[in-house]
């Protein structure tokens, strides 16, 4: 369960409901598979459950991304309209189909007003949007000086690719209560 703002994916529902759903999940009801993003470079590979974002500046600082003008591109797999951050940008552009990542290139074009961080609603400029199929490795824009995985600046940019892959399963509260013995 989410207990703060630094959770890539967290359940924010009432704890009693989560407990009941967990009991159902133990019986095999209520899990939903997620996709994940895999970043591969000569230095290693990393996984993100929501997004991989390229920014212009190479310093990690406090790690969180606060400035829309620093954004170069993003790859997003799990996004909802109730999210904050880059997932909110991706969700504002429409539902992301399963086994797909949404690639967003930032720059002059379409303007969206989104919650980029808790308490920070700002304009983000979208130059291009493309959906990518699972299993296809796509080169990351060389202008990306630093990559943030699930909202945290981590990987100093160099030649890298990103691909959609199968990920973990997550408890789906609605699905947990649809079993025969729910």
Foldseek 3Di string as FASTA:
>chain_A
DDDDFLDLDDDPDDPVLVVLLVVLVVVPWFKDWAKWKWKDDPVGIDIFRFKKWFFQDQDQVVFFDDDLVRTAKMKGGDADCPDAAVSVVVVVVDDQDGQKIKMWGWDADDWDFGRNGVVDTDITGTDDIDIGGAPDWAWDPQSRQFMRGSRGTDGGDDTMTMGMDIDGIDGHSVRSPPDPVD
